[in-house]
């Protein structure tokens, strides 16, 4: 239980550091969180594959959202910021740890993604340099739909990665 709580706390610290601190703070924080994660929270060798898979999908989805104009950075770049990439790495550490209770519950995972995915993006946009396209309600619905599909998919992919061991 201590490791699950530690994972949740590390994710929340990482989320704030990435969103509010920008690229340099995010890189440093991400390195510290990954070090703690692999030294204490989860030493499973398959964890690297899970993190890489979740991170890659997240970066692709966010890149599509940036390229399509659903979100943009204050500098109007079509590339997602470095801090958002680091945030995906940190989020990926939660899939097999503090979010483990959602494994095998795809409907609940979809509901959690639908509600908390857009909420996190909205909060992040209020703190960071990212802007979400207006009208906000339509953008939030699109982000929510994306997360409704993504979150349960991450658990399915985790199960498949583990079965390949």
N, C-alpha and C. Protein backbone atom coordinates (compact mmCIF):
# COMPACT_ATOMS: atom_id res chain seq x y z
N UNK A 1 0.82 -1.20 0.00
CA UNK A 1 0.00 0.00 0.00
C UNK A 1 0.86 1.27 0.00
N UNK A 2 2.00 1.22 0.71
CA UNK A 2 2.88 2.38 0.76
C UNK A 2 3.40 2.74 -0.62
N UNK A 3 3.68 1.72 -1.43
CA UNK A 3 4.20 1.97 -2.79
C UNK A 3 3.13 2.59 -3.68
N UNK A 4 1.89 2.18 -3.52
CA UNK A 4 0.79 2.75 -4.31
C UNK A 4 0.58 4.21 -3.93
N UNK A 5 0.60 4.49 -2.64
CA UNK A 5 0.44 5.88 -2.17
C UNK A 5 1.62 6.73 -2.64
N UNK A 6 2.83 6.17 -2.55
CA UNK A 6 4.00 6.89 -3.03
C UNK A 6 3.88 7.21 -4.51
N UNK A 7 3.41 6.24 -5.30
CA UNK A 7 3.22 6.45 -6.73
C UNK A 7 2.22 7.57 -6.99
N UNK A 8 1.12 7.58 -6.27
CA UNK A 8 0.11 8.64 -6.44
C UNK A 8 0.67 10.01 -6.06
N UNK A 9 1.41 10.07 -4.96
CA UNK A 9 1.99 11.34 -4.52
C UNK A 9 3.03 11.82 -5.54
N UNK A 10 3.88 10.91 -6.01
CA UNK A 10 4.89 11.28 -7.00
C UNK A 10 4.24 11.80 -8.28
N UNK A 11 3.16 11.14 -8.70
CA UNK A 11 2.48 11.62 -9.91
C UNK A 11 1.95 13.04 -9.71
N UNK A 12 1.33 13.29 -8.58
CA UNK A 12 0.78 14.62 -8.35
C UNK A 12 1.86 15.70 -8.24
N UNK A 13 2.95 15.37 -7.58
CA UNK A 13 4.09 16.30 -7.54
C UNK A 13 4.60 16.54 -8.95
N UNK A 14 4.75 15.46 -9.71
CA UNK A 14 5.22 15.57 -11.09
C UNK A 14 4.29 16.38 -11.97
N UNK A 15 2.99 16.18 -11.80
CA UNK A 15 2.01 16.92 -12.61
C UNK A 15 2.18 18.42 -12.36
N UNK A 16 2.23 18.81 -11.10
CA UNK A 16 2.38 20.23 -10.76
C UNK A 16 3.71 20.78 -11.28
N UNK A 17 4.78 20.02 -11.09
CA UNK A 17 6.10 20.48 -11.54
C UNK A 17 6.14 20.65 -13.05
N UNK A 18 5.56 19.71 -13.78
CA UNK A 18 5.57 19.78 -15.25
C UNK A 18 4.72 20.94 -15.74
N UNK A 19 3.50 21.02 -15.27
CA UNK A 19 2.56 22.02 -15.76
C UNK A 19 2.98 23.43 -15.35
N UNK A 20 3.38 23.60 -14.11
CA UNK A 20 3.71 24.95 -13.62
C UNK A 20 5.18 25.31 -13.82
N UNK A 21 6.05 24.31 -13.89
CA UNK A 21 7.48 24.59 -13.91
C UNK A 21 8.12 24.70 -15.27
N UNK A 22 7.47 24.19 -16.29
CA UNK A 22 8.07 24.25 -17.62
C UNK A 22 9.06 23.12 -17.88
N UNK A 23 9.76 23.23 -19.00
CA UNK A 23 10.59 22.14 -19.51
C UNK A 23 11.73 21.72 -18.57
N UNK A 24 12.52 22.67 -18.10
CA UNK A 24 13.70 22.32 -17.29
C UNK A 24 13.31 21.68 -15.97
N UNK A 25 12.33 22.25 -15.29
CA UNK A 25 11.85 21.69 -14.02
C UNK A 25 11.24 20.31 -14.28
N UNK A 26 10.50 20.17 -15.38
CA UNK A 26 9.87 18.89 -15.72
C UNK A 26 10.91 17.81 -15.94
N UNK A 27 11.97 18.12 -16.67
CA UNK A 27 13.01 17.12 -16.92
C UNK A 27 13.67 16.66 -15.63
N UNK A 28 14.01 17.60 -14.77
CA UNK A 28 14.64 17.26 -13.50
C UNK A 28 13.69 16.45 -12.62
N UNK A 29 12.45 16.90 -12.51
CA UNK A 29 11.45 16.21 -11.70
C UNK A 29 11.18 14.81 -12.25
N UNK A 30 11.05 14.70 -13.56
CA UNK A 30 10.81 13.41 -14.19
C UNK A 30 11.92 12.42 -13.91
N UNK A 31 13.15 12.89 -13.96
CA UNK A 31 14.30 12.03 -13.68
C UNK A 31 14.27 11.53 -12.23
N UNK A 32 13.98 12.42 -11.31
CA UNK A 32 13.90 12.04 -9.90
C UNK A 32 12.76 11.04 -9.68
N UNK A 33 11.60 11.32 -10.27
CA UNK A 33 10.44 10.42 -10.09
C UNK A 33 10.72 9.04 -10.69
N UNK A 34 11.31 9.00 -11.89
CA UNK A 34 11.63 7.69 -12.49
C UNK A 34 12.65 6.92 -11.65
N UNK A 35 13.61 7.63 -11.10
CA UNK A 35 14.60 6.98 -10.25
C UNK A 35 13.94 6.35 -9.02
N UNK A 36 13.12 7.12 -8.33
CA UNK A 36 12.39 6.59 -7.17
C UNK A 36 11.48 5.45 -7.58
N UNK A 37 10.81 5.62 -8.71
CA UNK A 37 9.87 4.60 -9.19
C UNK A 37 10.57 3.25 -9.38
N UNK A 38 11.71 3.27 -10.08
CA UNK A 38 12.36 2.00 -10.39
C UNK A 38 13.24 1.46 -9.26
N UNK A 39 13.62 2.31 -8.33
CA UNK A 39 14.39 1.82 -7.18
C UNK A 39 13.51 1.31 -6.06
N UNK A 40 12.28 1.84 -5.96
CA UNK A 40 11.45 1.46 -4.82
C UNK A 40 10.02 1.07 -5.17
N UNK A 41 9.35 1.82 -6.01
CA UNK A 41 7.92 1.58 -6.24
C UNK A 41 7.68 0.33 -7.07
N UNK A 42 8.37 0.18 -8.20
CA UNK A 42 8.11 -0.96 -9.08
C UNK A 42 9.40 -1.37 -9.78
N UNK A 43 9.96 -2.50 -9.39
CA UNK A 43 11.22 -2.99 -9.96
C UNK A 43 10.99 -3.99 -11.08
N UNK A 44 9.75 -4.22 -11.47
CA UNK A 44 9.42 -5.18 -12.52
C UNK A 44 10.06 -4.76 -13.85
N UNK A 45 10.84 -5.64 -14.48
CA UNK A 45 11.49 -5.29 -15.75
C UNK A 45 10.49 -4.96 -16.87
N UNK A 46 9.28 -5.50 -16.79
CA UNK A 46 8.25 -5.20 -17.81
C UNK A 46 7.73 -3.77 -17.68
N UNK A 47 7.98 -3.13 -16.56
CA UNK A 47 7.49 -1.77 -16.33
C UNK A 47 8.04 -0.79 -17.37
N UNK A 48 9.29 -1.00 -17.80
CA UNK A 48 9.85 -0.11 -18.84
C UNK A 48 9.03 -0.17 -20.12
N UNK A 49 8.64 -1.38 -20.51
CA UNK A 49 7.85 -1.55 -21.74
C UNK A 49 6.48 -0.90 -21.60
N UNK A 50 5.89 -1.05 -20.43
CA UNK A 50 4.57 -0.45 -20.19
C UNK A 50 4.68 1.08 -20.25
N UNK A 51 5.67 1.62 -19.58
CA UNK A 51 5.85 3.08 -19.58
C UNK A 51 6.11 3.59 -21.00
N UNK A 52 6.97 2.91 -21.73
CA UNK A 52 7.28 3.34 -23.09
C UNK A 52 6.04 3.29 -23.99
N UNK A 53 5.25 2.24 -23.87
CA UNK A 53 4.05 2.09 -24.69
C UNK A 53 3.02 3.17 -24.38
N UNK A 54 2.71 3.36 -23.11
CA UNK A 54 1.72 4.38 -22.71
C UNK A 54 2.21 5.77 -23.09
N UNK A 55 3.48 6.05 -22.82
CA UNK A 55 4.05 7.35 -23.16
C UNK A 55 3.96 7.60 -24.66
N UNK A 56 4.30 6.62 -25.46
CA UNK A 56 4.28 6.78 -26.92
C UNK A 56 2.88 7.08 -27.44
N UNK A 57 1.90 6.34 -26.96
CA UNK A 57 0.51 6.58 -27.37
C UNK A 57 0.07 7.97 -26.94
N UNK A 58 0.37 8.35 -25.72
CA UNK A 58 0.00 9.67 -25.22
C UNK A 58 0.62 10.79 -26.03
N UNK A 59 1.90 10.66 -26.36
CA UNK A 59 2.57 11.68 -27.16
C UNK A 59 1.95 11.78 -28.55
N UNK A 60 1.62 10.64 -29.13
CA UNK A 60 0.99 10.65 -30.46
C UNK A 60 -0.37 11.34 -30.40
N UNK A 61 -1.19 10.98 -29.42
CA UNK A 61 -2.53 11.59 -29.30
C UNK A 61 -2.42 13.09 -29.05
N UNK A 62 -1.58 13.50 -28.10
CA UNK A 62 -1.42 14.93 -27.85
C UNK A 62 -0.86 15.65 -29.08
N UNK A 63 0.04 15.02 -29.81
CA UNK A 63 0.59 15.63 -31.03
C UNK A 63 -0.52 15.84 -32.06
N UNK A 64 -1.41 14.86 -32.18
CA UNK A 64 -2.54 15.01 -33.11
C UNK A 64 -3.43 16.17 -32.66
N UNK A 65 -3.68 16.26 -31.36
CA UNK A 65 -4.51 17.35 -30.83
C UNK A 65 -3.84 18.71 -31.05
N UNK A 66 -2.53 18.78 -30.91
CA UNK A 66 -1.82 20.04 -31.16
C UNK A 66 -1.85 20.37 -32.65
N UNK A 67 -1.55 19.38 -33.47
CA UNK A 67 -1.49 19.62 -34.92
C UNK A 67 -2.86 20.02 -35.47
N UNK A 68 -3.92 19.45 -34.91
CA UNK A 68 -5.28 19.76 -35.38
C UNK A 68 -5.78 21.12 -34.88
N UNK A 69 -5.10 21.69 -33.91
CA UNK A 69 -5.52 22.97 -33.35
C UNK A 69 -6.41 22.85 -32.13
N UNK A 70 -6.70 21.63 -31.70
CA UNK A 70 -7.51 21.45 -30.50
C UNK A 70 -6.82 22.08 -29.29
N UNK A 71 -5.49 21.97 -29.29
CA UNK A 71 -4.68 22.62 -28.26
C UNK A 71 -3.52 23.29 -28.97
N UNK A 72 -2.98 24.31 -28.33
CA UNK A 72 -1.77 24.94 -28.87
C UNK A 72 -0.95 25.49 -27.72
N UNK A 73 0.31 25.67 -28.01
CA UNK A 73 1.21 26.26 -27.04
C UNK A 73 1.21 27.77 -27.29
N UNK A 74 1.56 28.54 -26.30
CA UNK A 74 1.56 29.99 -26.42
C UNK A 74 2.47 30.47 -27.55
N UNK A 75 3.50 29.69 -27.87
CA UNK A 75 4.41 30.08 -28.95
C UNK A 75 3.88 29.62 -30.32
N UNK A 76 2.69 29.06 -30.36
CA UNK A 76 2.01 28.61 -31.58
C UNK A 76 2.73 27.47 -32.29
N UNK A 77 3.60 26.77 -31.59
CA UNK A 77 4.29 25.62 -32.15
C UNK A 77 3.30 24.47 -32.31
N UNK A 78 3.49 23.68 -33.36
CA UNK A 78 2.66 22.49 -33.56
C UNK A 78 3.19 21.30 -32.75
N UNK A 79 4.35 21.47 -32.15
CA UNK A 79 4.95 20.40 -31.36
C UNK A 79 4.50 20.53 -29.90
N UNK A 80 4.30 19.38 -29.26
CA UNK A 80 3.93 19.44 -27.86
C UNK A 80 5.16 19.83 -27.05
N UNK A 81 4.96 20.56 -25.96
CA UNK A 81 6.12 20.98 -25.16
C UNK A 81 6.80 19.80 -24.47
N UNK A 82 8.07 19.97 -24.17
CA UNK A 82 8.86 18.93 -23.50
C UNK A 82 8.20 18.54 -22.18
N UNK A 83 7.68 19.51 -21.44
CA UNK A 83 7.09 19.19 -20.14
C UNK A 83 5.90 18.25 -20.28
N UNK A 84 5.19 18.33 -21.40
CA UNK A 84 4.05 17.44 -21.62
C UNK A 84 4.52 16.02 -21.94
N UNK A 85 5.65 15.90 -22.62
CA UNK A 85 6.24 14.58 -22.86
C UNK A 85 6.65 13.95 -21.53
N UNK A 86 7.31 14.73 -20.68
CA UNK A 86 7.72 14.23 -19.37
C UNK A 86 6.49 13.85 -18.54
N UNK A 87 5.44 14.63 -18.65
CA UNK A 87 4.20 14.32 -17.92
C UNK A 87 3.63 12.98 -18.37
N UNK A 88 3.73 12.67 -19.65
CA UNK A 88 3.28 11.36 -20.12
C UNK A 88 4.10 10.23 -19.52
N UNK A 89 5.40 10.45 -19.40
CA UNK A 89 6.25 9.43 -18.77
C UNK A 89 5.81 9.21 -17.32
N UNK A 90 5.61 10.31 -16.61
CA UNK A 90 5.21 10.22 -15.20
C UNK A 90 3.83 9.58 -15.07
N UNK A 91 2.89 9.98 -15.95
CA UNK A 91 1.56 9.37 -15.92
C UNK A 91 1.65 7.87 -16.17
N UNK A 92 2.51 7.47 -17.09
CA UNK A 92 2.64 6.04 -17.43
C UNK A 92 3.05 5.20 -16.22
N UNK A 93 3.74 5.81 -15.26
CA UNK A 93 4.13 5.05 -14.07
C UNK A 93 2.92 4.69 -13.20
N UNK A 94 1.79 5.36 -13.41
CA UNK A 94 0.61 5.10 -12.57
C UNK A 94 -0.23 3.92 -13.06
N UNK A 95 -0.09 3.56 -14.33
CA UNK A 95 -0.97 2.54 -14.94
C UNK A 95 -0.91 1.22 -14.20
N UNK A 96 0.26 0.81 -13.81
CA UNK A 96 0.42 -0.49 -13.15
C UNK A 96 0.58 -0.36 -11.64
N UNK A 97 0.31 0.83 -11.12
CA UNK A 97 0.54 1.07 -9.71
C UNK A 97 -0.70 1.69 -9.07
N UNK A 98 -0.76 3.02 -8.92
CA UNK A 98 -1.89 3.60 -8.21
C UNK A 98 -3.20 3.51 -9.01
N UNK A 99 -3.13 3.28 -10.31
CA UNK A 99 -4.36 3.08 -11.09
C UNK A 99 -4.66 1.60 -11.33
N UNK A 100 -3.92 0.74 -10.68
CA UNK A 100 -4.09 -0.72 -10.85
C UNK A 100 -5.52 -1.18 -10.54
N UNK A 101 -6.20 -0.49 -9.65
CA UNK A 101 -7.57 -0.86 -9.27
C UNK A 101 -8.53 -0.79 -10.45
N UNK A 102 -8.14 -0.11 -11.53
CA UNK A 102 -8.99 -0.03 -12.72
C UNK A 102 -8.76 -1.18 -13.71
N UNK A 103 -7.72 -1.98 -13.48
CA UNK A 103 -7.47 -3.13 -14.36
C UNK A 103 -8.68 -4.07 -14.33
N UNK A 104 -9.10 -4.53 -15.48
CA UNK A 104 -10.22 -5.45 -15.56
C UNK A 104 -11.58 -4.80 -15.39
N UNK A 105 -11.62 -3.49 -15.34
CA UNK A 105 -12.87 -2.74 -15.20
C UNK A 105 -12.96 -1.69 -16.32
N UNK A 106 -13.15 -2.14 -17.56
CA UNK A 106 -13.09 -1.20 -18.68
C UNK A 106 -14.14 -0.10 -18.64
N UNK A 107 -15.35 -0.40 -18.18
CA UNK A 107 -16.39 0.64 -18.12
C UNK A 107 -16.02 1.71 -17.10
N UNK A 108 -15.51 1.30 -15.96
CA UNK A 108 -15.09 2.25 -14.94
C UNK A 108 -13.88 3.05 -15.43
N UNK A 109 -12.94 2.38 -16.09
CA UNK A 109 -11.79 3.07 -16.66
C UNK A 109 -12.21 4.11 -17.68
N UNK A 110 -13.20 3.76 -18.50
CA UNK A 110 -13.71 4.70 -19.50
C UNK A 110 -14.35 5.91 -18.82
N UNK A 111 -15.12 5.66 -17.78
CA UNK A 111 -15.77 6.75 -17.05
C UNK A 111 -14.74 7.67 -16.38
N UNK A 112 -13.73 7.07 -15.76
CA UNK A 112 -12.66 7.85 -15.13
C UNK A 112 -11.95 8.69 -16.19
N UNK A 113 -11.65 8.09 -17.35
CA UNK A 113 -11.01 8.83 -18.43
C UNK A 113 -11.87 9.95 -18.95
N UNK A 114 -13.15 9.70 -19.13
CA UNK A 114 -14.09 10.69 -19.64
C UNK A 114 -14.19 11.90 -18.71
N UNK A 115 -14.15 11.68 -17.42
CA UNK A 115 -14.31 12.78 -16.45
C UNK A 115 -12.97 13.46 -16.14
N UNK A 116 -11.98 12.66 -15.76
CA UNK A 116 -10.74 13.24 -15.24
C UNK A 116 -9.74 13.62 -16.32
N UNK A 117 -9.82 13.00 -17.50
CA UNK A 117 -8.93 13.40 -18.60
C UNK A 117 -9.11 14.87 -18.97
N UNK A 118 -10.32 15.28 -19.35
CA UNK A 118 -10.51 16.69 -19.70
C UNK A 118 -10.30 17.64 -18.53
N UNK A 119 -10.64 17.18 -17.33
CA UNK A 119 -10.43 18.03 -16.16
C UNK A 119 -8.94 18.35 -15.98
N UNK A 120 -8.08 17.34 -16.14
CA UNK A 120 -6.64 17.55 -16.01
C UNK A 120 -6.12 18.50 -17.10
N UNK A 121 -6.62 18.36 -18.31
CA UNK A 121 -6.19 19.25 -19.39
C UNK A 121 -6.67 20.68 -19.14
N UNK A 122 -7.88 20.82 -18.67
CA UNK A 122 -8.42 22.15 -18.37
C UNK A 122 -7.61 22.82 -17.26
N UNK A 123 -7.33 22.06 -16.19
CA UNK A 123 -6.52 22.59 -15.09
C UNK A 123 -5.12 22.97 -15.60
N UNK A 124 -4.54 22.08 -16.39
CA UNK A 124 -3.20 22.34 -16.93
C UNK A 124 -3.17 23.58 -17.81
N UNK A 125 -4.20 23.77 -18.62
CA UNK A 125 -4.26 24.94 -19.49
C UNK A 125 -4.39 26.23 -18.69
N UNK A 126 -4.99 26.15 -17.52
CA UNK A 126 -5.12 27.34 -16.67
C UNK A 126 -3.83 27.70 -15.96
N UNK A 127 -2.88 26.76 -15.90
CA UNK A 127 -1.63 26.99 -15.20
C UNK A 127 -0.46 27.17 -16.18
N UNK A 128 -0.51 26.49 -17.31
CA UNK A 128 0.64 26.43 -18.22
C UNK A 128 0.48 27.38 -19.41
N UNK A 129 1.31 27.16 -20.40
CA UNK A 129 1.28 27.96 -21.63
C UNK A 129 0.39 27.33 -22.70
N UNK A 130 -0.25 26.23 -22.38
CA UNK A 130 -1.13 25.56 -23.35
C UNK A 130 -2.50 26.22 -23.36
N UNK A 131 -3.05 26.36 -24.56
CA UNK A 131 -4.38 26.94 -24.73
C UNK A 131 -5.26 25.88 -25.40
N UNK A 132 -6.46 25.71 -24.88
CA UNK A 132 -7.42 24.78 -25.46
C UNK A 132 -8.38 25.58 -26.34
N UNK A 133 -8.65 25.05 -27.51
CA UNK A 133 -9.47 25.73 -28.51
C UNK A 133 -10.88 26.00 -27.99
N UNK A 134 -11.40 27.15 -28.35
CA UNK A 134 -12.80 27.52 -28.06
C UNK A 134 -13.68 27.01 -29.20
N UNK A 135 -14.90 26.67 -29.00
CA UNK A 135 -15.61 26.66 -27.73
C UNK A 135 -15.11 25.53 -26.83
N UNK A 136 -14.86 25.90 -25.60
CA UNK A 136 -14.24 25.01 -24.64
C UNK A 136 -15.02 23.73 -24.43
N UNK A 137 -16.33 23.79 -24.38
CA UNK A 137 -17.14 22.59 -24.12
C UNK A 137 -16.94 21.54 -25.21
N UNK A 138 -16.84 21.97 -26.46
CA UNK A 138 -16.61 21.01 -27.56
C UNK A 138 -15.23 20.38 -27.44
N UNK A 139 -14.25 21.20 -27.13
CA UNK A 139 -12.89 20.67 -26.97
C UNK A 139 -12.81 19.70 -25.81
N UNK A 140 -13.46 20.04 -24.70
CA UNK A 140 -13.46 19.15 -23.53
C UNK A 140 -14.15 17.82 -23.86
N UNK A 141 -15.21 17.87 -24.64
CA UNK A 141 -15.89 16.63 -25.04
C UNK A 141 -14.98 15.77 -25.91
N UNK A 142 -14.24 16.38 -26.83
CA UNK A 142 -13.31 15.62 -27.67
C UNK A 142 -12.19 15.01 -26.84
N UNK A 143 -11.63 15.79 -25.93
CA UNK A 143 -10.57 15.28 -25.06
C UNK A 143 -11.13 14.16 -24.17
N UNK A 144 -12.32 14.37 -23.64
CA UNK A 144 -12.96 13.34 -22.81
C UNK A 144 -13.20 12.06 -23.57
N UNK A 145 -13.66 12.17 -24.81
CA UNK A 145 -13.89 10.98 -25.63
C UNK A 145 -12.56 10.25 -25.88
N UNK A 146 -11.51 11.03 -26.15
CA UNK A 146 -10.19 10.42 -26.35
C UNK A 146 -9.73 9.66 -25.12
N UNK A 147 -9.88 10.27 -23.96
CA UNK A 147 -9.48 9.62 -22.72
C UNK A 147 -10.39 8.45 -22.35
N UNK A 148 -11.65 8.54 -22.74
CA UNK A 148 -12.58 7.44 -22.49
C UNK A 148 -12.11 6.18 -23.23
N UNK A 149 -11.51 6.37 -24.39
CA UNK A 149 -10.98 5.24 -25.16
C UNK A 149 -9.56 4.86 -24.71
N UNK A 150 -8.76 5.87 -24.41
CA UNK A 150 -7.35 5.61 -24.09
C UNK A 150 -7.14 4.87 -22.78
N UNK A 151 -7.78 5.33 -21.72
CA UNK A 151 -7.47 4.78 -20.40
C UNK A 151 -7.73 3.27 -20.32
N UNK A 152 -8.90 2.78 -20.74
CA UNK A 152 -9.08 1.32 -20.70
C UNK A 152 -8.10 0.59 -21.64
N UNK A 153 -7.76 1.25 -22.75
CA UNK A 153 -6.80 0.65 -23.69
C UNK A 153 -5.43 0.46 -23.05
N UNK A 154 -5.03 1.40 -22.21
CA UNK A 154 -3.74 1.27 -21.53
C UNK A 154 -3.71 0.03 -20.65
N UNK A 155 -4.83 -0.28 -20.00
CA UNK A 155 -4.88 -1.47 -19.14
C UNK A 155 -4.86 -2.75 -19.97
N UNK A 156 -5.53 -2.74 -21.11
CA UNK A 156 -5.50 -3.90 -22.01
C UNK A 156 -4.08 -4.13 -22.53
N UNK A 157 -3.42 -3.05 -22.94
CA UNK A 157 -2.04 -3.17 -23.43
C UNK A 157 -1.11 -3.66 -22.34
N UNK A 158 -1.31 -3.19 -21.12
CA UNK A 158 -0.49 -3.65 -19.99
C UNK A 158 -0.64 -5.15 -19.80
N UNK A 159 -1.86 -5.64 -19.87
CA UNK A 159 -2.11 -7.08 -19.71
C UNK A 159 -1.41 -7.86 -20.83
N UNK A 160 -1.45 -7.35 -22.05
CA UNK A 160 -0.80 -8.02 -23.18
C UNK A 160 0.71 -8.01 -23.04
N UNK A 161 1.26 -6.90 -22.60
CA UNK A 161 2.72 -6.83 -22.39
C UNK A 161 3.14 -7.83 -21.33
N UNK A 162 2.37 -7.94 -20.26
CA UNK A 162 2.69 -8.89 -19.18
C UNK A 162 2.56 -10.34 -19.65
N UNK A 163 1.64 -10.61 -20.57
CA UNK A 163 1.43 -11.98 -21.02
C UNK A 163 2.55 -12.44 -21.96
N UNK A 164 3.33 -11.53 -22.49
CA UNK A 164 4.42 -11.86 -23.40
C UNK A 164 5.66 -12.29 -22.62
N UNK A 165 5.72 -11.96 -21.36
CA UNK A 165 6.89 -12.29 -20.50
C UNK A 165 7.38 -13.61 -20.83
